[in-house]
């Protein structure tokens, strides 16, 4: 049965992706509807993400890029990715079984594990910025199609003395399809790791932010402005250090930094900003859109109904 499943996954990546997307969105629609418990929806979400992670590995192995032996670096990334997908479910399950004290114990344990693992990736393997999650979802269509184009090993070669990239005659496309531009290869073949202390310090601030924020919540309370400002200050300091050398980073690393910048919008949905200011503005905006555009009521209605529920579960400072 496993062989049949593996064959189907490899031969039907598009259908598989559609099924995974539907199962992921199903988790959001189930939130608060089954006995008003988010455990079921989080279980569906975590399971779908873990299955998707396993399917990505099958596709990588089938395309010849799978590793026969996973070293410490890959094992840490896998563990961090699993923790990323399951931490909310574990938190809610522990809270239901042991109450708030058990919940905060579970949160602290998970964040401590993630922090220590990220520090190993940073200082031993010189990896920064660490992606979130460390093993991103595989772009399956591009990954499989690239095996038929310029990613072939015999499509080009590099001159040893000058470093110039030269296209092989056999690797050239037909005349009608040529664009007469230099051959393009991935950024990681052109750019190497930039060993700059500012980048290490910037990533260190990002890694330590969850633990520092938990400590500030313990000192000042979960609804206090001080803990909110502490996390915001750490993020601002990290981005300031990254921006000094942003142009020197490869494309994938610049993209990860850009994703982190977008996370600043989440501060509007985190307490106490949400409780004092954002909640009223968001509710008024969604209500006005619902009155003016009737069809939007099917989208804005559930958001208004479950926004407080989602804010209480998902929008912690460390869940960026």
C-alpha atoms as a PDB file:
ATOM      1  CA  UNK A   1       0.000   0.000   0.000  1.00  0.00           C
ATOM      2  CA  UNK A   2       2.858   2.369   0.739  1.00  0.00           C
ATOM      3  CA  UNK A   3       4.413   1.707  -2.681  1.00  0.00           C
ATOM      4  CA  UNK A   4       1.085   2.445  -4.368  1.00  0.00           C
ATOM      5  CA  UNK A   5       0.695   5.651  -2.355  1.00  0.00           C
ATOM      6  CA  UNK A   6       4.250   6.730  -3.167  1.00  0.00           C
ATOM      7  CA  UNK A   7       3.689   6.116  -6.878  1.00  0.00           C
ATOM      8  CA  UNK A   8       0.450   8.108  -6.825  1.00  0.00           C
ATOM      9  CA  UNK A   9       2.096  11.035  -5.002  1.00  0.00           C
ATOM     10  CA  UNK A  10       4.937  11.191  -7.517  1.00  0.00           C
ATOM     11  CA  UNK A  11       2.663  10.956 -10.551  1.00  0.00           C
ATOM     12  CA  UNK A  12      -0.059  13.355  -9.335  1.00  0.00           C
ATOM     13  CA  UNK A  13       1.609  16.323  -7.579  1.00  0.00           C
ATOM     14  CA  UNK A  14      -1.038  18.853  -8.683  1.00  0.00           C
ATOM     15  CA  UNK A  15      -3.994  16.813  -7.437  1.00  0.00           C
ATOM     16  CA  UNK A  16      -2.126  16.136  -4.203  1.00  0.00           C
ATOM     17  CA  UNK A  17      -1.528  19.845  -3.691  1.00  0.00           C
ATOM     18  CA  UNK A  18      -5.234  20.614  -4.198  1.00  0.00           C
ATOM     19  CA  UNK A  19      -6.231  18.002  -1.629  1.00  0.00           C
ATOM     20  CA  UNK A  20      -3.753  19.389   0.909  1.00  0.00           C
ATOM     21  CA  UNK A  21      -4.961  22.966   0.391  1.00  0.00           C
ATOM     22  CA  UNK A  22      -8.587  21.912   0.923  1.00  0.00           C
ATOM     23  CA  UNK A  23      -7.707  20.030   4.116  1.00  0.00           C
ATOM     24  CA  UNK A  24      -5.755  23.037   5.443  1.00  0.00           C
ATOM     25  CA  UNK A  25      -8.635  25.452   4.801  1.00  0.00           C
ATOM     26  CA  UNK A  26     -11.029  22.932   6.327  1.00  0.00           C
ATOM     27  CA  UNK A  27      -9.229  23.430   9.627  1.00  0.00           C
ATOM     28  CA  UNK A  28     -10.122  27.133   9.628  1.00  0.00           C
ATOM     29  CA  UNK A  29     -13.785  26.493   8.828  1.00  0.00           C
ATOM     30  CA  UNK A  30     -14.043  23.908  11.604  1.00  0.00           C
ATOM     31  CA  UNK A  31     -12.730  26.330  14.219  1.00  0.00           C
ATOM     32  CA  UNK A  32     -15.352  26.852  16.903  1.00  0.00           C
ATOM     33  CA  UNK A  33     -18.026  24.755  15.174  1.00  0.00           C
ATOM     34  CA  UNK A  34     -17.421  21.313  16.643  1.00  0.00           C
ATOM     35  CA  UNK A  35     -18.379  21.526  20.319  1.00  0.00           C
ATOM     36  CA  UNK A  36     -16.803  25.007  20.170  1.00  0.00           C
ATOM     37  CA  UNK A  37     -13.412  23.381  20.638  1.00  0.00           C
ATOM     38  CA  UNK A  38     -10.424  24.406  18.493  1.00  0.00           C
ATOM     39  CA  UNK A  39      -8.684  21.098  19.206  1.00  0.00           C
ATOM     40  CA  UNK A  40     -10.297  19.346  16.252  1.00  0.00           C
ATOM     41  CA  UNK A  41      -9.446  22.116  13.793  1.00  0.00           C
ATOM     42  CA  UNK A  42      -5.846  22.278  15.049  1.00  0.00           C
ATOM     43  CA  UNK A  43      -5.558  18.504  14.778  1.00  0.00           C
ATOM     44  CA  UNK A  44      -6.759  18.658  11.178  1.00  0.00           C
ATOM     45  CA  UNK A  45      -4.344  21.496  10.390  1.00  0.00           C
ATOM     46  CA  UNK A  46      -1.327  19.825  12.027  1.00  0.00           C
ATOM     47  CA  UNK A  47      -2.049  16.472  10.389  1.00  0.00           C
ATOM     48  CA  UNK A  48      -2.439  18.006   6.933  1.00  0.00           C
ATOM     49  CA  UNK A  49       0.835  19.926   7.280  1.00  0.00           C
ATOM     50  CA  UNK A  50       2.754  16.868   8.490  1.00  0.00           C
ATOM     51  CA  UNK A  51       1.377  14.767   5.631  1.00  0.00           C
ATOM     52  CA  UNK A  52       2.331  17.541   3.202  1.00  0.00           C
ATOM     53  CA  UNK A  53       5.859  17.586   4.648  1.00  0.00           C
ATOM     54  CA  UNK A  54       6.124  13.826   4.148  1.00  0.00           C
ATOM     55  CA  UNK A  55       4.798  14.064   0.590  1.00  0.00           C
ATOM     56  CA  UNK A  56       7.370  16.743  -0.236  1.00  0.00           C
ATOM     57  CA  UNK A  57      10.097  14.370   0.909  1.00  0.00           C
ATOM     58  CA  UNK A  58       8.760  11.629  -1.362  1.00  0.00           C
ATOM     59  CA  UNK A  59       8.813  13.994  -4.348  1.00  0.00           C
ATOM     60  CA  UNK A  60      12.337  15.205  -3.543  1.00  0.00           C
ATOM     61  CA  UNK A  61      13.584  11.632  -3.281  1.00  0.00           C
ATOM     62  CA  UNK A  62      11.915  10.686  -6.547  1.00  0.00           C
ATOM     63  CA  UNK A  63      13.558  13.599  -8.372  1.00  0.00           C
ATOM     64  CA  UNK A  64      16.978  12.540  -7.201  1.00  0.00           C
ATOM     65  CA  UNK A  65      17.509  15.233  -4.559  1.00  0.00           C
ATOM     66  CA  UNK A  66      16.645  13.178  -1.491  1.00  0.00           C
ATOM     67  CA  UNK A  67      19.376  12.536   1.060  1.00  0.00           C
ATOM     68  CA  UNK A  68      20.212   8.934   1.858  1.00  0.00           C
ATOM     69  CA  UNK A  69      21.501  10.004   5.271  1.00  0.00           C
ATOM     70  CA  UNK A  70      20.096  12.943   7.194  1.00  0.00           C
ATOM     71  CA  UNK A  71      22.767  14.702   9.189  1.00  0.00           C
ATOM     72  CA  UNK A  72      22.343  16.800  12.311  1.00  0.00           C
ATOM     73  CA  UNK A  73      21.452  19.916  10.313  1.00  0.00           C
ATOM     74  CA  UNK A  74      18.612  18.234   8.423  1.00  0.00           C
ATOM     75  CA  UNK A  75      17.338  16.490  11.556  1.00  0.00           C
ATOM     76  CA  UNK A  76      17.170  19.790  13.445  1.00  0.00           C
ATOM     77  CA  UNK A  77      15.275  21.404  10.574  1.00  0.00           C
ATOM     78  CA  UNK A  78      12.782  18.535  10.483  1.00  0.00           C
ATOM     79  CA  UNK A  79      12.202  18.744  14.248  1.00  0.00           C
ATOM     80  CA  UNK A  80      11.763  22.522  14.110  1.00  0.00           C
ATOM     81  CA  UNK A  81       9.294  22.209  11.226  1.00  0.00           C
ATOM     82  CA  UNK A  82       7.261  19.595  13.091  1.00  0.00           C
ATOM     83  CA  UNK A  83       7.256  21.814  16.193  1.00  0.00           C
ATOM     84  CA  UNK A  84       6.119  24.765  14.063  1.00  0.00           C
ATOM     85  CA  UNK A  85       3.137  22.829  12.714  1.00  0.00           C
ATOM     86  CA  UNK A  86       2.117  21.185  16.003  1.00  0.00           C
ATOM     87  CA  UNK A  87       2.869  23.752  18.727  1.00  0.00           C
ATOM     88  CA  UNK A  88      -0.629  25.288  18.806  1.00  0.00           C
ATOM     89  CA  UNK A  89      -2.290  21.862  18.976  1.00  0.00           C
ATOM     90  CA  UNK A  90       0.045  20.768  21.786  1.00  0.00           C
ATOM     91  CA  UNK A  91      -0.625  24.003  23.666  1.00  0.00           C
ATOM     92  CA  UNK A  92      -4.405  23.621  23.450  1.00  0.00           C
ATOM     93  CA  UNK A  93      -4.302  19.923  24.337  1.00  0.00           C
ATOM     94  CA  UNK A  94      -2.142  20.543  27.405  1.00  0.00           C
ATOM     95  CA  UNK A  95      -4.340  23.451  28.468  1.00  0.00           C
ATOM     96  CA  UNK A  96      -7.453  21.278  28.280  1.00  0.00           C
ATOM     97  CA  UNK A  97      -5.800  18.513  30.287  1.00  0.00           C
ATOM     98  CA  UNK A  98      -3.794  20.481  32.880  1.00  0.00           C
ATOM     99  CA  UNK A  99      -5.124  24.032  32.823  1.00  0.00           C
ATOM    100  CA  UNK A 100      -3.304  27.340  32.387  1.00  0.00           C
ATOM    101  CA  UNK A 101      -0.260  26.277  34.393  1.00  0.00           C
ATOM    102  CA  UNK A 102       0.283  23.298  32.104  1.00  0.00           C
ATOM    103  CA  UNK A 103      -0.291  25.511  29.059  1.00  0.00           C
ATOM    104  CA  UNK A 104       2.485  27.952  29.986  1.00  0.00           C
ATOM    105  CA  UNK A 105       4.795  25.081  30.874  1.00  0.00           C
ATOM    106  CA  UNK A 106       4.236  23.554  27.435  1.00  0.00           C
ATOM    107  CA  UNK A 107       4.753  26.919  25.710  1.00  0.00           C
ATOM    108  CA  UNK A 108       8.003  27.541  27.577  1.00  0.00           C
ATOM    109  CA  UNK A 109       9.300  24.034  26.822  1.00  0.00           C
ATOM    110  CA  UNK A 110       8.514  24.291  23.104  1.00  0.00           C
ATOM    111  CA  UNK A 111      10.042  27.746  22.754  1.00  0.00           C
ATOM    112  CA  UNK A 112      13.144  26.682  24.694  1.00  0.00           C
ATOM    113  CA  UNK A 113      13.603  23.705  22.355  1.00  0.00           C
ATOM    114  CA  UNK A 114      13.127  25.909  19.283  1.00  0.00           C
ATOM    115  CA  UNK A 115      15.545  28.509  20.630  1.00  0.00           C
ATOM    116  CA  UNK A 116      18.313  25.981  21.383  1.00  0.00           C
ATOM    117  CA  UNK A 117      17.868  24.257  18.022  1.00  0.00           C
ATOM    118  CA  UNK A 118      17.993  27.559  16.138  1.00  0.00           C
ATOM    119  CA  UNK A 119      21.166  28.559  17.996  1.00  0.00           C
ATOM    120  CA  UNK A 120      22.818  25.338  16.807  1.00  0.00           C
ATOM    121  CA  UNK A 121      21.834  26.133  13.214  1.00  0.00           C
ATOM    122  CA  UNK A 122      23.162  29.664  13.589  1.00  0.00           C
ATOM    123  CA  UNK A 123      26.522  29.077  15.259  1.00  0.00           C
ATOM    124  CA  UNK A 124      27.477  25.594  14.077  1.00  0.00           C
ATOM    125  CA  UNK A 125      26.096  25.596  10.538  1.00  0.00           C
ATOM    126  CA  UNK A 126      26.215  29.378   9.913  1.00  0.00           C
ATOM    127  CA  UNK A 127      22.655  29.467   8.603  1.00  0.00           C
ATOM    128  CA  UNK A 128      20.866  32.805   8.593  1.00  0.00           C
ATOM    129  CA  UNK A 129      18.253  33.950   8.387  1.00  0.00           C
ATOM    130  CA  UNK A 130      16.588  30.721   9.479  1.00  0.00           C
ATOM    131  CA  UNK A 131      13.450  30.167   7.449  1.00  0.00           C
ATOM    132  CA  UNK A 132      10.050  29.953   9.078  1.00  0.00           C
ATOM    133  CA  UNK A 133       9.335  27.039   8.906  1.00  0.00           C
ATOM    134  CA  UNK A 134      12.910  25.764   8.398  1.00  0.00           C
ATOM    135  CA  UNK A 135      11.711  23.348   5.690  1.00  0.00           C
ATOM    136  CA  UNK A 136       9.350  25.406   3.506  1.00  0.00           C
ATOM    137  CA  UNK A 137       6.609  23.861   1.421  1.00  0.00           C
ATOM    138  CA  UNK A 138       7.947  22.509  -1.848  1.00  0.00           C
ATOM    139  CA  UNK A 139       6.841  24.285  -5.031  1.00  0.00           C
ATOM    140  CA  UNK A 140       6.169  20.991  -6.703  1.00  0.00           C
ATOM    141  CA  UNK A 141       5.373  22.093 -10.256  1.00  0.00           C
ATOM    142  CA  UNK A 142       8.477  24.290 -10.486  1.00  0.00           C
ATOM    143  CA  UNK A 143      10.591  21.635  -8.795  1.00  0.00           C
ATOM    144  CA  UNK A 144       9.612  18.873 -11.215  1.00  0.00           C
ATOM    145  CA  UNK A 145       9.570  21.080 -14.330  1.00  0.00           C
ATOM    146  CA  UNK A 146      13.019  22.463 -13.583  1.00  0.00           C
ATOM    147  CA  UNK A 147      14.498  19.024 -14.160  1.00  0.00           C
ATOM    148  CA  UNK A 148      13.721  19.418 -17.849  1.00  0.00           C
ATOM    149  CA  UNK A 149      15.245  22.906 -18.328  1.00  0.00           C
ATOM    150  CA  UNK A 150      18.314  24.854 -17.308  1.00  0.00           C
ATOM    151  CA  UNK A 151      18.836  22.940 -14.071  1.00  0.00           C
ATOM    152  CA  UNK A 152      20.449  20.078 -15.946  1.00  0.00           C
ATOM    153  CA  UNK A 153      24.095  19.593 -15.078  1.00  0.00           C
ATOM    154  CA  UNK A 154      25.104  19.432 -18.755  1.00  0.00           C
ATOM    155  CA  UNK A 155      23.289  22.614 -19.858  1.00  0.00           C
ATOM    156  CA  UNK A 156      26.225  24.875 -18.949  1.00  0.00           C
ATOM    157  CA  UNK A 157      29.706  24.949 -17.487  1.00  0.00           C
ATOM    158  CA  UNK A 158      31.814  27.536 -15.658  1.00  0.00           C
ATOM    159  CA  UNK A 159      35.275  28.612 -16.828  1.00  0.00           C
ATOM    160  CA  UNK A 160      37.767  27.969 -14.031  1.00  0.00           C
ATOM    161  CA  UNK A 161      39.896  31.106 -14.452  1.00  0.00           C
ATOM    162  CA  UNK A 162      37.321  33.794 -15.280  1.00  0.00           C
ATOM    163  CA  UNK A 163      34.215  32.229 -13.711  1.00  0.00           C
ATOM    164  CA  UNK A 164      32.176  32.998 -16.836  1.00  0.00           C
ATOM    165  CA  UNK A 165      29.122  30.806 -17.456  1.00  0.00           C
ATOM    166  CA  UNK A 166      29.037  29.214 -20.919  1.00  0.00           C
ATOM    167  CA  UNK A 167      26.052  27.374 -22.355  1.00  0.00           C
ATOM    168  CA  UNK A 168      26.658  23.972 -23.920  1.00  0.00           C
ATOM    169  CA  UNK A 169      25.529  23.487 -27.522  1.00  0.00           C
ATOM    170  CA  UNK A 170      23.397  20.514 -26.508  1.00  0.00           C
ATOM    171  CA  UNK A 171      21.784  22.567 -23.739  1.00  0.00           C
ATOM    172  CA  UNK A 172      20.597  25.424 -25.977  1.00  0.00           C
ATOM    173  CA  UNK A 173      16.839  25.653 -26.660  1.00  0.00           C
ATOM    174  CA  UNK A 174      15.467  25.705 -30.228  1.00  0.00           C
ATOM    175  CA  UNK A 175      16.140  28.863 -32.249  1.00  0.00           C
ATOM    176  CA  UNK A 176      12.485  29.915 -32.190  1.00  0.00           C
ATOM    177  CA  UNK A 177      12.430  29.810 -28.369  1.00  0.00           C
ATOM    178  CA  UNK A 178      15.730  31.555 -27.673  1.00  0.00           C
ATOM    179  CA  UNK A 179      15.724  34.911 -25.904  1.00  0.00           C
ATOM    180  CA  UNK A 180      19.468  35.524 -26.496  1.00  0.00           C
ATOM    181  CA  UNK A 181      19.990  36.360 -22.827  1.00  0.00           C
ATOM    182  CA  UNK A 182      22.744  34.908 -20.618  1.00  0.00           C
ATOM    183  CA  UNK A 183      21.890  31.607 -19.015  1.00  0.00           C
ATOM    184  CA  UNK A 184      20.245  31.886 -15.593  1.00  0.00           C
ATOM    185  CA  UNK A 185      21.119  29.632 -12.711  1.00  0.00           C
ATOM    186  CA  UNK A 186      20.015  29.667  -9.100  1.00  0.00           C
ATOM    187  CA  UNK A 187      21.321  32.338  -6.761  1.00  0.00           C
ATOM    188  CA  UNK A 188      22.893  29.819  -4.407  1.00  0.00           C
ATOM    189  CA  UNK A 189      25.331  28.885  -7.188  1.00  0.00           C
ATOM    190  CA  UNK A 190      26.431  32.483  -7.605  1.00  0.00           C
ATOM    191  CA  UNK A 191      26.445  33.837  -4.084  1.00  0.00           C
ATOM    192  CA  UNK A 192      28.028  32.368  -0.982  1.00  0.00           C
ATOM    193  CA  UNK A 193      27.259  32.924   2.666  1.00  0.00           C
ATOM    194  CA  UNK A 194      28.059  36.441   3.834  1.00  0.00           C
ATOM    195  CA  UNK A 195      29.871  36.096   7.167  1.00  0.00           C
ATOM    196  CA  UNK A 196      29.077  39.423   8.843  1.00  0.00           C
ATOM    197  CA  UNK A 197      28.771  39.880  12.594  1.00  0.00           C
ATOM    198  CA  UNK A 198      25.803  42.233  12.200  1.00  0.00           C
ATOM    199  CA  UNK A 199      23.805  39.464  10.538  1.00  0.00           C
ATOM    200  CA  UNK A 200      24.647  37.012  13.299  1.00  0.00           C
ATOM    201  CA  UNK A 201      23.573  39.531  15.944  1.00  0.00           C
ATOM    202  CA  UNK A 202      20.377  40.280  14.011  1.00  0.00           C
ATOM    203  CA  UNK A 203      19.435  36.607  13.826  1.00  0.00           C
ATOM    204  CA  UNK A 204      20.371  36.127  17.473  1.00  0.00           C
ATOM    205  CA  UNK A 205      17.894  38.840  18.478  1.00  0.00           C
ATOM    206  CA  UNK A 206      15.197  37.142  16.394  1.00  0.00           C
ATOM    207  CA  UNK A 207      15.925  33.746  17.958  1.00  0.00           C
ATOM    208  CA  UNK A 208      15.986  35.048  21.544  1.00  0.00           C
ATOM    209  CA  UNK A 209      12.849  37.185  21.166  1.00  0.00           C
ATOM    210  CA  UNK A 210      10.360  34.431  22.190  1.00  0.00           C
ATOM    211  CA  UNK A 211      12.203  33.652  25.430  1.00  0.00           C
ATOM    212  CA  UNK A 212      12.697  37.329  26.290  1.00  0.00           C
ATOM    213  CA  UNK A 213       9.046  38.018  25.542  1.00  0.00           C
ATOM    214  CA  UNK A 214       7.909  35.126  27.738  1.00  0.00           C
ATOM    215  CA  UNK A 215      10.028  36.493  30.565  1.00  0.00           C
ATOM    216  CA  UNK A 216       8.562  39.982  30.096  1.00  0.00           C
ATOM    217  CA  UNK A 217       5.032  38.546  30.114  1.00  0.00           C
ATOM    218  CA  UNK A 218       5.864  36.817  33.377  1.00  0.00           C
ATOM    219  CA  UNK A 219       7.077  40.098  34.853  1.00  0.00           C
ATOM    220  CA  UNK A 220       4.547  42.586  33.469  1.00  0.00           C
ATOM    221  CA  UNK A 221       1.510  40.456  32.570  1.00  0.00           C
ATOM    222  CA  UNK A 222       0.034  39.173  29.295  1.00  0.00           C
ATOM    223  CA  UNK A 223      -1.991  42.339  28.611  1.00  0.00           C
ATOM    224  CA  UNK A 224       0.623  44.954  29.521  1.00  0.00           C
ATOM    225  CA  UNK A 225       2.148  47.424  27.093  1.00  0.00           C
ATOM    226  CA  UNK A 226       5.674  46.755  28.379  1.00  0.00           C
ATOM    227  CA  UNK A 227       5.832  43.178  27.089  1.00  0.00           C
ATOM    228  CA  UNK A 228       4.363  44.340  23.744  1.00  0.00           C
ATOM    229  CA  UNK A 229       7.001  47.067  23.430  1.00  0.00           C
ATOM    230  CA  UNK A 230       9.828  44.687  24.374  1.00  0.00           C
ATOM    231  CA  UNK A 231       8.997  42.323  21.503  1.00  0.00           C
ATOM    232  CA  UNK A 232       8.519  45.215  19.076  1.00  0.00           C
ATOM    233  CA  UNK A 233      11.867  46.722  20.083  1.00  0.00           C
ATOM    234  CA  UNK A 234      13.680  43.422  19.530  1.00  0.00           C
ATOM    235  CA  UNK A 235      12.165  43.064  16.058  1.00  0.00           C
ATOM    236  CA  UNK A 236      13.080  46.633  15.133  1.00  0.00           C
ATOM    237  CA  UNK A 237      16.677  46.133  16.291  1.00  0.00           C
ATOM    238  CA  UNK A 238      16.956  42.900  14.319  1.00  0.00           C
ATOM    239  CA  UNK A 239      15.644  44.473  11.106  1.00  0.00           C
ATOM    240  CA  UNK A 240      17.910  47.490  11.501  1.00  0.00           C
ATOM    241  CA  UNK A 241      20.954  45.206  11.563  1.00  0.00           C
ATOM    242  CA  UNK A 242      19.678  43.181   8.600  1.00  0.00           C
ATOM    243  CA  UNK A 243      19.016  46.277   6.506  1.00  0.00           C
ATOM    244  CA  UNK A 244      22.675  47.282   6.674  1.00  0.00           C
ATOM    245  CA  UNK A 245      23.677  44.271   4.571  1.00  0.00           C
ATOM    246  CA  UNK A 246      20.416  43.341   2.859  1.00  0.00           C
ATOM    247  CA  UNK A 247      21.813  43.853  -0.656  1.00  0.00           C
ATOM    248  CA  UNK A 248      24.646  41.420   0.039  1.00  0.00           C
ATOM    249  CA  UNK A 249      22.292  38.525   0.810  1.00  0.00           C
ATOM    250  CA  UNK A 250      21.109  35.962  -1.767  1.00  0.00           C
ATOM    251  CA  UNK A 251      17.550  36.192  -3.049  1.00  0.00           C
ATOM    252  CA  UNK A 252      16.136  33.479  -0.746  1.00  0.00           C
ATOM    253  CA  UNK A 253      17.532  35.187   2.341  1.00  0.00           C
ATOM    254  CA  UNK A 254      16.231  38.607   1.278  1.00  0.00           C
ATOM    255  CA  UNK A 255      12.826  37.028   0.747  1.00  0.00           C
ATOM    256  CA  UNK A 256      12.803  35.599   4.266  1.00  0.00           C
ATOM    257  CA  UNK A 257      13.679  39.019   5.722  1.00  0.00           C
ATOM    258  CA  UNK A 258      10.823  40.541   3.695  1.00  0.00           C
ATOM    259  CA  UNK A 259       8.387  37.987   5.141  1.00  0.00           C
ATOM    260  CA  UNK A 260       9.526  38.967   8.615  1.00  0.00           C
ATOM    261  CA  UNK A 261       8.862  42.621   7.860  1.00  0.00           C
ATOM    262  CA  UNK A 262       5.273  41.743   6.990  1.00  0.00           C
ATOM    263  CA  UNK A 263       4.915  40.221  10.454  1.00  0.00           C
ATOM    264  CA  UNK A 264       4.871  43.757  11.849  1.00  0.00           C
ATOM    265  CA  UNK A 265       1.215  43.880  10.800  1.00  0.00           C
ATOM    266  CA  UNK A 266       0.495  41.154  13.335  1.00  0.00           C
ATOM    267  CA  UNK A 267       1.314  43.581  16.123  1.00  0.00           C
ATOM    268  CA  UNK A 268      -2.045  45.210  15.391  1.00  0.00           C
ATOM    269  CA  UNK A 269      -3.731  41.921  16.319  1.00  0.00           C
ATOM    270  CA  UNK A 270      -1.801  41.298  19.507  1.00  0.00           C
ATOM    271  CA  UNK A 271      -2.742  42.392  22.986  1.00  0.00           C
ATOM    272  CA  UNK A 272      -2.944  45.067  24.273  1.00  0.00           C
ATOM    273  CA  UNK A 273      -3.009  46.890  20.897  1.00  0.00           C
ATOM    274  CA  UNK A 274      -5.911  44.727  19.699  1.00  0.00           C
ATOM    275  CA  UNK A 275      -7.936  45.072  22.886  1.00  0.00           C
ATOM    276  CA  UNK A 276      -7.625  48.863  23.087  1.00  0.00           C
ATOM    277  CA  UNK A 277      -7.551  50.059  19.470  1.00  0.00           C
ATOM    278  CA  UNK A 278      -7.432  47.515  16.624  1.00  0.00           C
ATOM    279  CA  UNK A 279     -10.536  45.508  17.545  1.00  0.00           C
ATOM    280  CA  UNK A 280     -12.888  48.467  17.246  1.00  0.00           C
ATOM    281  CA  UNK A 281     -11.375  49.640  13.948  1.00  0.00           C
ATOM    282  CA  UNK A 282     -11.435  46.160  12.375  1.00  0.00           C
ATOM    283  CA  UNK A 283     -15.020  45.474  13.468  1.00  0.00           C
ATOM    284  CA  UNK A 284     -16.232  48.814  12.060  1.00  0.00           C
ATOM    285  CA  UNK A 285     -14.392  48.242   8.785  1.00  0.00           C
ATOM    286  CA  UNK A 286     -15.754  44.724   8.281  1.00  0.00           C
ATOM    287  CA  UNK A 287     -19.285  45.801   9.249  1.00  0.00           C
ATOM    288  CA  UNK A 288     -19.262  48.688   6.777  1.00  0.00           C
ATOM    289  CA  UNK A 289     -17.995  46.418   3.990  1.00  0.00           C
ATOM    290  CA  UNK A 290     -20.736  43.911   4.766  1.00  0.00           C
ATOM    291  CA  UNK A 291     -23.439  46.589   4.507  1.00  0.00           C
ATOM    292  CA  UNK A 292     -22.136  48.082   1.270  1.00  0.00           C
ATOM    293  CA  UNK A 293     -21.280  44.849  -0.546  1.00  0.00           C
ATOM    294  CA  UNK A 294     -23.782  42.074   0.292  1.00  0.00           C
ATOM    295  CA  UNK A 295     -21.685  39.216  -1.109  1.00  0.00           C
ATOM    296  CA  UNK A 296     -18.877  40.025   1.308  1.00  0.00           C
ATOM    297  CA  UNK A 297     -21.090  39.025   4.218  1.00  0.00           C
ATOM    298  CA  UNK A 298     -20.175  35.378   3.589  1.00  0.00           C
ATOM    299  CA  UNK A 299     -16.522  36.296   4.191  1.00  0.00           C
ATOM    300  CA  UNK A 300     -16.688  39.154   6.674  1.00  0.00           C
ATOM    301  CA  UNK A 301     -19.371  37.509   8.828  1.00  0.00           C
ATOM    302  CA  UNK A 302     -17.272  34.521   9.961  1.00  0.00           C
ATOM    303  CA  UNK A 303     -14.238  36.779  10.422  1.00  0.00           C
ATOM    304  CA  UNK A 304     -16.184  39.071  12.765  1.00  0.00           C
ATOM    305  CA  UNK A 305     -17.625  36.074  14.606  1.00  0.00           C
ATOM    306  CA  UNK A 306     -14.350  34.226  15.170  1.00  0.00           C
ATOM    307  CA  UNK A 307     -11.810  37.077  15.248  1.00  0.00           C
ATOM    308  CA  UNK A 308     -11.688  37.177  19.045  1.00  0.00           C
ATOM    309  CA  UNK A 309     -11.355  33.389  19.105  1.00  0.00           C
ATOM    310  CA  UNK A 310      -8.452  33.445  16.634  1.00  0.00           C
ATOM    311  CA  UNK A 311      -6.775  36.379  18.362  1.00  0.00           C
ATOM    312  CA  UNK A 312      -6.794  34.584  21.689  1.00  0.00           C
ATOM    313  CA  UNK A 313      -5.154  31.459  20.206  1.00  0.00           C
ATOM    314  CA  UNK A 314      -2.823  32.488  17.385  1.00  0.00           C
ATOM    315  CA  UNK A 315      -1.549  36.012  17.836  1.00  0.00           C
ATOM    316  CA  UNK A 316       1.130  35.600  20.442  1.00  0.00           C
ATOM    317  CA  UNK A 317       4.266  37.672  20.039  1.00  0.00           C
ATOM    318  CA  UNK A 318       6.470  34.655  19.371  1.00  0.00           C
ATOM    319  CA  UNK A 319       4.177  33.065  16.761  1.00  0.00           C
ATOM    320  CA  UNK A 320       5.554  35.101  13.852  1.00  0.00           C
END
